[in-house]
Amino acid sequence: MSSLKELQDLIQEKYGIPPSELDPQASMREKGLDSLALAEFIFEIEDKFGIEVPDDNPNIDTLAELAALVDQVRAAKVA
């Protein structure tokens, strides 16, 4: 199961950006999420899902890329 919908809901809750306005394939920076906001968002994701996102993914720019990484980390945690 993809975490995309959950991440969209979290972005809406935290930043007020409706999922309909955030294209999963577009840069999150285009919606005003700078590097600091993205780092804070990743901390929020870690807390919500009880996971640790590896620090070696500095090039994540889209919500789809972030969802794929979260899915990968969650799957590894279950395995």
PDB file of N, CA and C in Angstrom:
ATOM      1  N   MET A   1       0.835  -1.180   0.000  1.00  0.00           N
ATOM      2  CA  MET A   1       0.000   0.000   0.000  1.00  0.00           C
ATOM      3  C   MET A   1       0.883   1.247   0.000  1.00  0.00           C
ATOM      4  N   SER A   2       0.599   2.141  -0.875  1.00  0.00           N
ATOM      5  CA  SER A   2       1.383   3.363  -0.967  1.00  0.00           C
ATOM      6  C   SER A   2       0.998   4.336   0.149  1.00  0.00           C
ATOM      7  N   SER A   3       1.980   5.018   0.643  1.00  0.00           N
ATOM      8  CA  SER A   3       1.748   6.006   1.695  1.00  0.00           C
ATOM      9  C   SER A   3       1.433   7.386   1.117  1.00  0.00           C
ATOM     10  N   LEU A   4       1.289   7.477  -0.200  1.00  0.00           N
ATOM     11  CA  LEU A   4       1.077   8.773  -0.853  1.00  0.00           C
ATOM     12  C   LEU A   4      -0.112   9.527  -0.266  1.00  0.00           C
ATOM     13  N   LYS A   5      -1.243   8.881  -0.140  1.00  0.00           N
ATOM     14  CA  LYS A   5      -2.446   9.550   0.375  1.00  0.00           C
ATOM     15  C   LYS A   5      -2.219  10.053   1.806  1.00  0.00           C
ATOM     16  N   GLU A   6      -1.574   9.234   2.621  1.00  0.00           N
ATOM     17  CA  GLU A   6      -1.298   9.645   3.997  1.00  0.00           C
ATOM     18  C   GLU A   6      -0.362  10.855   4.031  1.00  0.00           C
ATOM     19  N   LEU A   7       0.621  10.880   3.126  1.00  0.00           N
ATOM     20  CA  LEU A   7       1.543  12.018   3.068  1.00  0.00           C
ATOM     21  C   LEU A   7       0.821  13.271   2.576  1.00  0.00           C
ATOM     22  N   GLN A   8      -0.078  13.100   1.607  1.00  0.00           N
ATOM     23  CA  GLN A   8      -0.859  14.245   1.122  1.00  0.00           C
ATOM     24  C   GLN A   8      -1.708  14.820   2.261  1.00  0.00           C
ATOM     25  N   ASP A   9      -2.322  13.939   3.041  1.00  0.00           N
ATOM     26  CA  ASP A   9      -3.133  14.392   4.164  1.00  0.00           C
ATOM     27  C   ASP A   9      -2.280  15.109   5.202  1.00  0.00           C
ATOM     28  N   LEU A  10      -1.089  14.601   5.439  1.00  0.00           N
ATOM     29  CA  LEU A  10      -0.185  15.215   6.408  1.00  0.00           C
ATOM     30  C   LEU A  10       0.274  16.596   5.937  1.00  0.00           C
ATOM     31  N   ILE A  11       0.541  16.733   4.652  1.00  0.00           N
ATOM     32  CA  ILE A  11       0.927  18.042   4.108  1.00  0.00           C
ATOM     33  C   ILE A  11      -0.225  19.028   4.249  1.00  0.00           C
ATOM     34  N   GLN A  12      -1.427  18.552   3.998  1.00  0.00           N
ATOM     35  CA  GLN A  12      -2.577  19.442   4.142  1.00  0.00           C
ATOM     36  C   GLN A  12      -2.726  19.888   5.599  1.00  0.00           C
ATOM     37  N   GLU A  13      -2.574  18.957   6.507  1.00  0.00           N
ATOM     38  CA  GLU A  13      -2.702  19.260   7.931  1.00  0.00           C
ATOM     39  C   GLU A  13      -1.614  20.233   8.398  1.00  0.00           C
ATOM     40  N   LYS A  14      -0.379  19.987   7.973  1.00  0.00           N
ATOM     41  CA  LYS A  14       0.759  20.764   8.474  1.00  0.00           C
ATOM     42  C   LYS A  14       0.946  22.095   7.740  1.00  0.00           C
ATOM     43  N   TYR A  15       0.719  22.096   6.415  1.00  0.00           N
ATOM     44  CA  TYR A  15       1.027  23.287   5.619  1.00  0.00           C
ATOM     45  C   TYR A  15      -0.187  23.906   4.935  1.00  0.00           C
ATOM     46  N   GLY A  16      -1.354  23.268   5.066  1.00  0.00           N
ATOM     47  CA  GLY A  16      -2.561  23.829   4.471  1.00  0.00           C
ATOM     48  C   GLY A  16      -2.628  23.710   2.960  1.00  0.00           C
ATOM     49  N   ILE A  17      -1.858  22.790   2.392  1.00  0.00           N
ATOM     50  CA  ILE A  17      -1.866  22.598   0.941  1.00  0.00           C
ATOM     51  C   ILE A  17      -2.778  21.416   0.617  1.00  0.00           C
ATOM     52  N   PRO A  18      -3.911  21.659  -0.037  1.00  0.00           N
ATOM     53  CA  PRO A  18      -4.826  20.566  -0.362  1.00  0.00           C
ATOM     54  C   PRO A  18      -4.160  19.561  -1.312  1.00  0.00           C
ATOM     55  N   PRO A  19      -4.463  18.276  -1.135  1.00  0.00           N
ATOM     56  CA  PRO A  19      -3.880  17.248  -2.013  1.00  0.00           C
ATOM     57  C   PRO A  19      -4.120  17.524  -3.497  1.00  0.00           C
ATOM     58  N   SER A  20      -5.251  18.130  -3.826  1.00  0.00           N
ATOM     59  CA  SER A  20      -5.555  18.417  -5.226  1.00  0.00           C
ATOM     60  C   SER A  20      -4.602  19.444  -5.834  1.00  0.00           C
ATOM     61  N   GLU A  21      -3.925  20.204  -4.986  1.00  0.00           N
ATOM     62  CA  GLU A  21      -2.992  21.230  -5.466  1.00  0.00           C
ATOM     63  C   GLU A  21      -1.539  20.761  -5.462  1.00  0.00           C
ATOM     64  N   LEU A  22      -1.291  19.552  -5.023  1.00  0.00           N
ATOM     65  CA  LEU A  22       0.082  19.054  -4.932  1.00  0.00           C
ATOM     66  C   LEU A  22       0.243  17.839  -5.832  1.00  0.00           C
ATOM     67  N   ASP A  23       0.772  18.079  -7.012  1.00  0.00           N
ATOM     68  CA  ASP A  23       1.028  17.009  -7.973  1.00  0.00           C
ATOM     69  C   ASP A  23       2.148  16.130  -7.407  1.00  0.00           C
ATOM     70  N   PRO A  24       1.905  14.824  -7.239  1.00  0.00           N
ATOM     71  CA  PRO A  24       2.928  13.938  -6.677  1.00  0.00           C
ATOM     72  C   PRO A  24       4.231  13.924  -7.478  1.00  0.00           C
ATOM     73  N   GLN A  25       4.163  14.268  -8.759  1.00  0.00           N
ATOM     74  CA  GLN A  25       5.353  14.252  -9.607  1.00  0.00           C
ATOM     75  C   GLN A  25       6.063  15.604  -9.681  1.00  0.00           C
ATOM     76  N   ALA A  26       5.461  16.643  -9.119  1.00  0.00           N
ATOM     77  CA  ALA A  26       6.050  17.983  -9.165  1.00  0.00           C
ATOM     78  C   ALA A  26       6.912  18.227  -7.926  1.00  0.00           C
ATOM     79  N   SER A  27       7.840  19.141  -8.055  1.00  0.00           N
ATOM     80  CA  SER A  27       8.710  19.501  -6.942  1.00  0.00           C
ATOM     81  C   SER A  27       7.893  20.077  -5.786  1.00  0.00           C
ATOM     82  N   MET A  28       8.147  19.574  -4.595  1.00  0.00           N
ATOM     83  CA  MET A  28       7.463  20.121  -3.423  1.00  0.00           C
ATOM     84  C   MET A  28       7.925  21.548  -3.158  1.00  0.00           C
ATOM     85  N   ARG A  29       9.092  21.884  -3.634  1.00  0.00           N
ATOM     86  CA  ARG A  29       9.615  23.239  -3.453  1.00  0.00           C
ATOM     87  C   ARG A  29       8.764  24.267  -4.201  1.00  0.00           C
ATOM     88  N   GLU A  30       8.117  23.825  -5.283  1.00  0.00           N
ATOM     89  CA  GLU A  30       7.252  24.731  -6.041  1.00  0.00           C
ATOM     90  C   GLU A  30       6.044  25.169  -5.226  1.00  0.00           C
ATOM     91  N   LYS A  31       5.701  24.413  -4.200  1.00  0.00           N
ATOM     92  CA  LYS A  31       4.577  24.760  -3.325  1.00  0.00           C
ATOM     93  C   LYS A  31       5.050  25.456  -2.057  1.00  0.00           C
ATOM     94  N   GLY A  32       6.323  25.852  -2.040  1.00  0.00           N
ATOM     95  CA  GLY A  32       6.831  26.625  -0.919  1.00  0.00           C
ATOM     96  C   GLY A  32       7.502  25.825   0.179  1.00  0.00           C
ATOM     97  N   LEU A  33       7.711  24.542  -0.036  1.00  0.00           N
ATOM     98  CA  LEU A  33       8.399  23.737   0.971  1.00  0.00           C
ATOM     99  C   LEU A  33       9.902  23.782   0.693  1.00  0.00           C
ATOM    100  N   ASP A  34      10.594  24.649   1.406  1.00  0.00           N
ATOM    101  CA  ASP A  34      12.042  24.759   1.222  1.00  0.00           C
ATOM    102  C   ASP A  34      12.742  23.603   1.943  1.00  0.00           C
ATOM    103  N   SER A  35      14.052  23.603   1.935  1.00  0.00           N
ATOM    104  CA  SER A  35      14.826  22.509   2.534  1.00  0.00           C
ATOM    105  C   SER A  35      14.506  22.313   4.009  1.00  0.00           C
ATOM    106  N   LEU A  36      14.363  23.402   4.745  1.00  0.00           N
ATOM    107  CA  LEU A  36      14.053  23.306   6.166  1.00  0.00           C
ATOM    108  C   LEU A  36      12.654  22.711   6.377  1.00  0.00           C
ATOM    109  N   ALA A  37      11.694  23.170   5.599  1.00  0.00           N
ATOM    110  CA  ALA A  37      10.332  22.646   5.718  1.00  0.00           C
ATOM    111  C   ALA A  37      10.296  21.164   5.363  1.00  0.00           C
ATOM    112  N   LEU A  38      11.064  20.768   4.353  1.00  0.00           N
ATOM    113  CA  LEU A  38      11.102  19.351   3.980  1.00  0.00           C
ATOM    114  C   LEU A  38      11.726  18.511   5.091  1.00  0.00           C
ATOM    115  N   ALA A  39      12.782  19.031   5.708  1.00  0.00           N
ATOM    116  CA  ALA A  39      13.410  18.310   6.821  1.00  0.00           C
ATOM    117  C   ALA A  39      12.419  18.161   7.972  1.00  0.00           C
ATOM    118  N   GLU A  40      11.699  19.228   8.292  1.00  0.00           N
ATOM    119  CA  GLU A  40      10.693  19.163   9.350  1.00  0.00           C
ATOM    120  C   GLU A  40       9.587  18.172   8.983  1.00  0.00           C
ATOM    121  N   PHE A  41       9.202  18.160   7.714  1.00  0.00           N
ATOM    122  CA  PHE A  41       8.168  17.242   7.257  1.00  0.00           C
ATOM    123  C   PHE A  41       8.631  15.792   7.408  1.00  0.00           C
ATOM    124  N   ILE A  42       9.886  15.533   7.126  1.00  0.00           N
ATOM    125  CA  ILE A  42      10.419  14.177   7.285  1.00  0.00           C
ATOM    126  C   ILE A  42      10.404  13.765   8.754  1.00  0.00           C
ATOM    127  N   PHE A  43      10.723  14.687   9.656  1.00  0.00           N
ATOM    128  CA  PHE A  43      10.624  14.382  11.092  1.00  0.00           C
ATOM    129  C   PHE A  43       9.187  14.042  11.464  1.00  0.00           C
ATOM    130  N   GLU A  44       8.261  14.785  10.908  1.00  0.00           N
ATOM    131  CA  GLU A  44       6.839  14.541  11.151  1.00  0.00           C
ATOM    132  C   GLU A  44       6.434  13.145  10.654  1.00  0.00           C
ATOM    133  N   ILE A  45       6.942  12.783   9.488  1.00  0.00           N
ATOM    134  CA  ILE A  45       6.673  11.456   8.911  1.00  0.00           C
ATOM    135  C   ILE A  45       7.233  10.366   9.818  1.00  0.00           C
ATOM    136  N   GLU A  46       8.454  10.567  10.293  1.00  0.00           N
ATOM    137  CA  GLU A  46       9.072   9.575  11.176  1.00  0.00           C
ATOM    138  C   GLU A  46       8.235   9.368  12.432  1.00  0.00           C
ATOM    139  N   ASP A  47       7.751  10.456  12.993  1.00  0.00           N
ATOM    140  CA  ASP A  47       6.913  10.351  14.195  1.00  0.00           C
ATOM    141  C   ASP A  47       5.592   9.656  13.894  1.00  0.00           C
ATOM    142  N   LYS A  48       4.961  10.033  12.799  1.00  0.00           N
ATOM    143  CA  LYS A  48       3.652   9.482  12.451  1.00  0.00           C
ATOM    144  C   LYS A  48       3.714   7.978  12.180  1.00  0.00           C
ATOM    145  N   PHE A  49       4.730   7.543  11.438  1.00  0.00           N
ATOM    146  CA  PHE A  49       4.813   6.146  11.014  1.00  0.00           C
ATOM    147  C   PHE A  49       5.722   5.291  11.904  1.00  0.00           C
ATOM    148  N   GLY A  50       6.415   5.909  12.850  1.00  0.00           N
ATOM    149  CA  GLY A  50       7.310   5.152  13.717  1.00  0.00           C
ATOM    150  C   GLY A  50       8.484   4.547  12.964  1.00  0.00           C
ATOM    151  N   ILE A  51       9.015   5.312  12.017  1.00  0.00           N
ATOM    152  CA  ILE A  51      10.133   4.838  11.193  1.00  0.00           C
ATOM    153  C   ILE A  51      11.272   5.840  11.278  1.00  0.00           C
ATOM    154  N   GLU A  52      12.411   5.452  10.724  1.00  0.00           N
ATOM    155  CA  GLU A  52      13.547   6.359  10.603  1.00  0.00           C
ATOM    156  C   GLU A  52      13.929   6.434   9.136  1.00  0.00           C
ATOM    157  N   VAL A  53      13.754   7.606   8.546  1.00  0.00           N
ATOM    158  CA  VAL A  53      14.101   7.813   7.143  1.00  0.00           C
ATOM    159  C   VAL A  53      15.603   8.036   7.060  1.00  0.00           C
ATOM    160  N   PRO A  54      16.306   7.249   6.236  1.00  0.00           N
ATOM    161  CA  PRO A  54      17.760   7.412   6.126  1.00  0.00           C
ATOM    162  C   PRO A  54      18.135   8.822   5.655  1.00  0.00           C
ATOM    163  N   ASP A  55      19.244   9.314   6.186  1.00  0.00           N
ATOM    164  CA  ASP A  55      19.719  10.660   5.833  1.00  0.00           C
ATOM    165  C   ASP A  55      20.386  10.721   4.465  1.00  0.00           C
ATOM    166  N   ASP A  56      20.612   9.584   3.839  1.00  0.00           N
ATOM    167  CA  ASP A  56      21.352   9.570   2.579  1.00  0.00           C
ATOM    168  C   ASP A  56      20.449   9.733   1.355  1.00  0.00           C
ATOM    169  N   ASN A  57      19.359  10.480   1.505  1.00  0.00           N
ATOM    170  CA  ASN A  57      18.433  10.730   0.399  1.00  0.00           C
ATOM    171  C   ASN A  57      18.197  12.225   0.211  1.00  0.00           C
ATOM    172  N   PRO A  58      19.257  12.995   0.012  1.00  0.00           N
ATOM    173  CA  PRO A  58      19.098  14.444  -0.056  1.00  0.00           C
ATOM    174  C   PRO A  58      18.429  14.939  -1.335  1.00  0.00           C
ATOM    175  N   ASN A  59      18.293  14.091  -2.335  1.00  0.00           N
ATOM    176  CA  ASN A  59      17.758  14.537  -3.617  1.00  0.00           C
ATOM    177  C   ASN A  59      16.261  14.316  -3.759  1.00  0.00           C
ATOM    178  N   ILE A  60      15.595  13.926  -2.703  1.00  0.00           N
ATOM    179  CA  ILE A  60      14.152  13.735  -2.778  1.00  0.00           C
ATOM    180  C   ILE A  60      13.508  15.094  -2.978  1.00  0.00           C
ATOM    181  N   ASP A  61      12.726  15.207  -4.046  1.00  0.00           N
ATOM    182  CA  ASP A  61      12.149  16.489  -4.402  1.00  0.00           C
ATOM    183  C   ASP A  61      10.640  16.419  -4.606  1.00  0.00           C
ATOM    184  N   THR A  62      10.127  15.237  -4.946  1.00  0.00           N
ATOM    185  CA  THR A  62       8.698  15.119  -5.209  1.00  0.00           C
ATOM    186  C   THR A  62       8.019  14.288  -4.131  1.00  0.00           C
ATOM    187  N   LEU A  63       6.746  14.469  -4.027  1.00  0.00           N
ATOM    188  CA  LEU A  63       5.975  13.695  -3.059  1.00  0.00           C
ATOM    189  C   LEU A  63       5.975  12.220  -3.442  1.00  0.00           C
ATOM    190  N   ALA A  64       5.966  11.924  -4.731  1.00  0.00           N
ATOM    191  CA  ALA A  64       6.002  10.528  -5.184  1.00  0.00           C
ATOM    192  C   ALA A  64       7.316   9.864  -4.762  1.00  0.00           C
ATOM    193  N   GLU A  65       8.432  10.579  -4.885  1.00  0.00           N
ATOM    194  CA  GLU A  65       9.727  10.032  -4.451  1.00  0.00           C
ATOM    195  C   GLU A  65       9.740   9.797  -2.943  1.00  0.00           C
ATOM    196  N   LEU A  66       9.188  10.738  -2.204  1.00  0.00           N
ATOM    197  CA  LEU A  66       9.141  10.608  -0.757  1.00  0.00           C
ATOM    198  C   LEU A  66       8.241   9.441  -0.354  1.00  0.00           C
ATOM    199  N   ALA A  67       7.098   9.303  -1.011  1.00  0.00           N
ATOM    200  CA  ALA A  67       6.183   8.194  -0.708  1.00  0.00           C
ATOM    201  C   ALA A  67       6.853   6.854  -0.996  1.00  0.00           C
ATOM    202  N   ALA A  68       7.599   6.773  -2.100  1.00  0.00           N
ATOM    203  CA  ALA A  68       8.295   5.528  -2.433  1.00  0.00           C
ATOM    204  C   ALA A  68       9.332   5.187  -1.363  1.00  0.00           C
ATOM    205  N   LEU A  69      10.046   6.192  -0.885  1.00  0.00           N
ATOM    206  CA  LEU A  69      11.041   5.966   0.169  1.00  0.00           C
ATOM    207  C   LEU A  69      10.360   5.523   1.473  1.00  0.00           C
ATOM    208  N   VAL A  70       9.288   6.183   1.843  1.00  0.00           N
ATOM    209  CA  VAL A  70       8.563   5.821   3.060  1.00  0.00           C
ATOM    210  C   VAL A  70       8.039   4.390   2.943  1.00  0.00           C
ATOM    211  N   ASP A  71       7.497   4.049   1.780  1.00  0.00           N
ATOM    212  CA  ASP A  71       6.998   2.684   1.561  1.00  0.00           C
ATOM    213  C   ASP A  71       8.135   1.666   1.721  1.00  0.00           C
ATOM    214  N   GLN A  72       9.292   2.001   1.175  1.00  0.00           N
ATOM    215  CA  GLN A  72      10.454   1.103   1.259  1.00  0.00           C
ATOM    216  C   GLN A  72      10.889   0.913   2.710  1.00  0.00           C
ATOM    217  N   VAL A  73      10.969   1.997   3.464  1.00  0.00           N
ATOM    218  CA  VAL A  73      11.394   1.928   4.864  1.00  0.00           C
ATOM    219  C   VAL A  73      10.359   1.160   5.694  1.00  0.00           C
ATOM    220  N   ARG A  74       9.082   1.419   5.442  1.00  0.00           N
ATOM    221  CA  ARG A  74       8.028   0.712   6.178  1.00  0.00           C
ATOM    222  C   ARG A  74       8.057  -0.781   5.868  1.00  0.00           C
ATOM    223  N   ALA A  75       8.275  -1.140   4.609  1.00  0.00           N
ATOM    224  CA  ALA A  75       8.334  -2.549   4.228  1.00  0.00           C
ATOM    225  C   ALA A  75       9.524  -3.242   4.881  1.00  0.00           C
ATOM    226  N   ALA A  76      10.671  -2.552   4.938  1.00  0.00           N
ATOM    227  CA  ALA A  76      11.860  -3.126   5.560  1.00  0.00           C
ATOM    228  C   ALA A  76      11.648  -3.317   7.058  1.00  0.00           C
ATOM    229  N   LYS A  77      10.893  -2.426   7.670  1.00  0.00           N
ATOM    230  CA  LYS A  77      10.621  -2.529   9.108  1.00  0.00           C
ATOM    231  C   LYS A  77       9.756  -3.747   9.413  1.00  0.00           C
ATOM    232  N   VAL A  78       8.819  -4.043   8.535  1.00  0.00           N
ATOM    233  CA  VAL A  78       7.910  -5.172   8.721  1.00  0.00           C
ATOM    234  C   VAL A  78       8.621  -6.498   8.475  1.00  0.00           C
ATOM    235  N   ALA A  79       9.557  -6.487   7.532  1.00  0.00           N
ATOM    236  CA  ALA A  79      10.246  -7.724   7.134  1.00  0.00           C
ATOM    237  C   ALA A  79      11.203  -8.249   8.176  1.00  0.00           C
TER     238      ALA A  79
END
